[in-house]
Amino acid sequence: MEITREQLQSCIGNNPYLDNWVHALNEILPDYDINTPQRVAAFIAQCAHESGGFKFLTENLNYRAVTLRKLFSKYFPTDALAQEYEKKPEKIANRIYGGRMGNGPEETGDGFRYCGRGLIQLTGKANYQNFADSIETPVEEVSEYLQTFEGAVQSACWFWESNNLNALADAGDIKMMTKKINGGFIGLEDRIKHYEHALHVFGA
């Protein structure tokens, strides 16, 4: 199925790069069998939530100290430590993502190098490496590719396929889909709103 400019605009609102996104989606979605109204609606709804309407392709880690203490108390057990990292996205990423998800320790800089990027934010060197292998590209080149229209779409499609999300889309299970993408149910209400609207737009 072909996504039209009007359909995408209805789902994500005013976006200065609508034509680029339509082209990338129509080019790449069929390769991952995201090819029915239900699957396309689910994919676009989840991506719209994750990327703020296809606008943000890099994770925003510009946190204040109070937020660091609230969201990442494990990594910022004291106010003094949180103050030290406040509003320093690169330092924050290296601390909260260092030593896990395939990343080296904080001092290697892997946390920021492999922070969330793409429409469904791919995070961690292990995920970057697996995605890089799937498209036969050196992992060092993936960060930049994830911030292009094609790379942002393709990485989201790869994640979708790797987590068997087409089956959940076929079943209309938005809740389990959200859990696989988010690890929990953050933003579930907004995702459902996007999803129901997209189902209507694509005639599912």
Protein backbone atom coordinates (compact mmCIF):
# COMPACT_ATOMS: atom_id res chain seq x y z
CA MET A 1 0.00 0.00 0.00
CA GLU A 2 1.12 3.55 -0.77
CA ILE A 3 1.06 6.25 1.91
CA THR A 4 -0.06 9.64 0.59
CA ARG A 5 1.15 13.03 1.74
CA GLU A 6 -2.37 13.86 2.96
CA GLN A 7 -2.59 10.69 5.03
CA LEU A 8 0.74 11.28 6.73
CA GLN A 9 -0.06 14.94 7.38
CA SER A 10 -3.32 13.90 9.03
CA CYS A 11 -1.36 11.58 11.34
CA ILE A 12 1.62 13.76 12.26
CA GLY A 13 0.38 17.30 11.64
CA ASN A 14 2.48 20.05 10.13
CA ASN A 15 5.97 18.81 9.51
CA PRO A 16 8.37 20.73 7.24
CA TYR A 17 9.70 17.47 5.79
CA LEU A 18 6.45 15.68 4.93
CA ASP A 19 7.54 14.83 1.38
CA ASN A 20 10.84 13.37 2.59
CA TRP A 21 9.08 11.22 5.17
CA VAL A 22 6.46 9.98 2.68
CA HIS A 23 9.21 8.98 0.27
CA ALA A 24 11.26 7.17 2.95
CA LEU A 25 8.22 5.34 4.38
CA ASN A 26 6.99 4.16 0.97
CA GLU A 27 10.50 3.06 0.05
CA ILE A 28 11.32 1.11 3.22
CA LEU A 29 8.13 -0.17 4.94
CA PRO A 30 7.39 -2.87 2.31
CA ASP A 31 10.84 -4.42 2.88
CA TYR A 32 9.75 -5.20 6.45
CA ASP A 33 6.21 -6.37 5.55
CA ILE A 34 4.64 -3.28 7.11
CA ASN A 35 2.19 -3.41 4.26
CA THR A 36 -1.41 -3.52 5.55
CA PRO A 37 -3.54 -0.64 6.85
CA GLN A 38 -3.39 -2.09 10.40
CA ARG A 39 0.42 -2.44 10.36
CA VAL A 40 1.04 0.97 8.78
CA ALA A 41 -1.36 2.65 11.23
CA ALA A 42 0.33 1.02 14.23
CA PHE A 43 3.84 1.83 12.97
CA ILE A 44 3.09 5.49 12.22
CA ALA A 45 1.19 5.96 15.50
CA GLN A 46 4.04 4.58 17.62
CA CYS A 47 6.69 6.52 15.67
CA ALA A 48 4.63 9.73 15.92
CA HIS A 49 4.55 9.40 19.69
CA GLU A 50 8.22 8.45 20.02
CA SER A 51 9.49 11.28 17.79
CA GLY A 52 7.04 14.08 18.59
CA GLY A 53 5.39 13.92 15.17
CA PHE A 54 8.52 12.84 13.25
CA LYS A 55 10.40 15.91 14.52
CA PHE A 56 12.93 14.63 17.05
CA LEU A 57 15.42 12.03 15.92
CA THR A 58 17.82 12.22 18.87
CA GLU A 59 16.95 11.58 22.50
CA ASN A 60 16.64 14.73 24.59
CA LEU A 61 18.86 14.30 27.66
CA ASN A 62 19.08 17.95 28.66
CA TYR A 63 17.82 17.30 32.20
CA ARG A 64 17.80 19.52 35.26
CA ALA A 65 19.23 18.11 38.50
CA VAL A 66 15.82 17.60 40.07
CA THR A 67 14.69 15.52 37.09
CA LEU A 68 17.86 13.43 37.14
CA ARG A 69 17.21 12.60 40.80
CA LYS A 70 13.62 11.67 39.99
CA LEU A 71 14.13 9.63 36.81
CA PHE A 72 17.60 8.20 37.36
CA SER A 73 18.07 8.06 41.15
CA LYS A 74 20.11 4.87 40.73
CA TYR A 75 22.76 6.83 38.82
CA PHE A 76 22.34 10.11 40.73
CA PRO A 77 21.94 9.12 44.39
CA THR A 78 22.82 12.60 45.72
CA ASP A 79 21.78 16.16 44.89
CA ALA A 80 25.44 17.16 44.58
CA LEU A 81 26.10 14.55 41.89
CA ALA A 82 22.95 15.52 39.99
CA GLN A 83 24.01 19.18 40.10
CA GLU A 84 27.35 18.24 38.58
CA TYR A 85 25.64 16.65 35.57
CA GLU A 86 22.73 19.08 35.20
CA LYS A 87 22.02 20.22 31.62
CA LYS A 88 25.02 18.29 30.24
CA PRO A 89 23.39 15.78 27.84
CA GLU A 90 26.63 14.10 26.77
CA LYS A 91 27.80 13.54 30.35
CA ILE A 92 24.32 12.36 31.38
CA ALA A 93 24.14 9.82 28.54
CA ASN A 94 27.59 8.47 29.34
CA ARG A 95 26.60 7.95 32.98
CA ILE A 96 23.13 6.43 32.58
CA TYR A 97 23.98 4.23 29.59
CA GLY A 98 27.60 3.40 30.42
CA GLY A 99 28.42 -0.23 31.13
CA ARG A 100 25.16 -1.67 29.78
CA MET A 101 23.38 -2.47 26.49
CA GLY A 102 26.75 -3.32 24.98
CA ASN A 103 28.27 0.06 25.92
CA GLY A 104 31.68 0.44 27.54
CA PRO A 105 32.01 2.21 30.92
CA GLU A 106 31.12 5.88 31.38
CA GLU A 107 34.56 7.18 30.47
CA THR A 108 34.50 5.54 27.00
CA GLY A 109 31.80 7.93 25.78
CA ASP A 110 29.73 5.02 24.40
CA GLY A 111 26.64 6.16 26.32
CA PHE A 112 26.31 9.31 24.24
CA ARG A 113 27.72 7.76 21.07
CA TYR A 114 24.94 5.17 21.17
CA CYS A 115 22.12 7.15 22.81
CA GLY A 116 18.55 7.02 21.46
CA ARG A 117 18.32 7.92 17.77
CA GLY A 118 15.83 7.34 14.96
CA LEU A 119 12.01 7.31 14.92
CA ILE A 120 11.86 4.54 17.53
CA GLN A 121 14.91 5.51 19.48
CA LEU A 122 17.54 2.84 19.00
CA THR A 123 19.71 2.81 22.13
CA GLY A 124 22.92 1.05 23.13
CA LYS A 125 25.88 -0.26 21.16
CA ALA A 126 24.44 -3.80 21.03
CA ASN A 127 21.31 -2.54 19.22
CA TYR A 128 23.35 -0.26 16.97
CA GLN A 129 25.63 -3.20 16.11
CA ASN A 130 22.72 -5.55 15.34
CA PHE A 131 21.08 -2.91 13.16
CA ALA A 132 24.42 -2.16 11.44
CA ASP A 133 24.87 -5.88 10.70
CA SER A 134 21.36 -6.10 9.24
CA ILE A 135 22.12 -3.35 6.70
CA GLU A 136 25.77 -4.35 6.24
CA THR A 137 27.13 -1.01 7.43
CA PRO A 138 30.02 -0.35 9.87
CA VAL A 139 28.61 0.46 13.33
CA GLU A 140 30.67 3.69 13.40
CA GLU A 141 28.55 5.07 10.54
CA VAL A 142 25.18 4.21 12.07
CA SER A 143 24.80 7.24 14.40
CA GLU A 144 24.83 9.61 11.45
CA TYR A 145 22.58 7.38 9.33
CA LEU A 146 19.95 7.23 12.11
CA GLN A 147 19.50 10.98 11.80
CA THR A 148 18.61 10.83 8.10
CA PHE A 149 15.04 10.23 6.86
CA GLU A 150 15.88 6.78 5.50
CA GLY A 151 17.97 5.78 8.51
CA ALA A 152 15.36 6.94 11.01
CA VAL A 153 12.67 4.91 9.22
CA GLN A 154 14.81 1.85 8.55
CA SER A 155 16.06 1.56 12.14
CA ALA A 156 12.45 1.76 13.38
CA CYS A 157 11.47 -0.94 10.86
CA TRP A 158 14.37 -3.13 12.00
CA PHE A 159 13.31 -2.73 15.64
CA TRP A 160 9.70 -3.48 14.62
CA GLU A 161 10.67 -6.67 12.82
CA SER A 162 13.11 -7.79 15.55
CA ASN A 163 10.35 -7.53 18.14
CA ASN A 164 7.68 -9.17 15.97
CA LEU A 165 5.46 -6.09 16.17
CA ASN A 166 3.58 -6.89 12.95
CA ALA A 167 1.87 -9.74 14.81
CA LEU A 168 0.79 -7.35 17.59
CA ALA A 169 -0.39 -4.84 14.98
CA ASP A 170 -2.45 -7.58 13.31
CA ALA A 171 -3.98 -8.38 16.71
CA GLY A 172 -4.58 -4.68 17.46
CA ASP A 173 -2.68 -5.08 20.74
CA ILE A 174 -1.47 -1.52 21.25
CA LYS A 175 -0.70 -2.14 24.93
CA MET A 176 1.76 -5.00 24.37
CA MET A 177 3.20 -3.12 21.38
CA THR A 178 3.90 -0.16 23.68
CA LYS A 179 5.53 -2.41 26.29
CA LYS A 180 7.91 -3.85 23.67
CA ILE A 181 8.86 -0.36 22.46
CA ASN A 182 8.91 1.51 25.75
CA GLY A 183 9.69 -1.20 28.29
CA GLY A 184 6.55 0.00 30.11
CA PHE A 185 3.43 1.96 29.31
CA ILE A 186 4.68 5.56 29.24
CA GLY A 187 2.50 7.69 26.96
CA LEU A 188 -0.02 4.88 26.41
CA GLU A 189 -2.97 7.26 26.23
CA ASP A 190 -1.29 9.41 23.57
CA ARG A 191 -0.23 6.31 21.63
CA ILE A 192 -3.81 5.00 21.65
CA LYS A 193 -5.08 8.38 20.42
CA HIS A 194 -2.54 8.38 17.55
CA TYR A 195 -3.35 4.75 16.77
CA GLU A 196 -7.13 5.15 16.61
CA HIS A 197 -6.73 8.21 14.41
CA ALA A 198 -4.27 6.41 12.09
CA LEU A 199 -6.60 3.40 11.78
CA HIS A 200 -9.30 5.78 10.59
CA VAL A 201 -6.90 7.57 8.18
CA PHE A 202 -5.73 4.33 6.57
CA GLY A 203 -9.19 2.78 6.48
CA ALA A 204 -8.28 -0.14 8.75
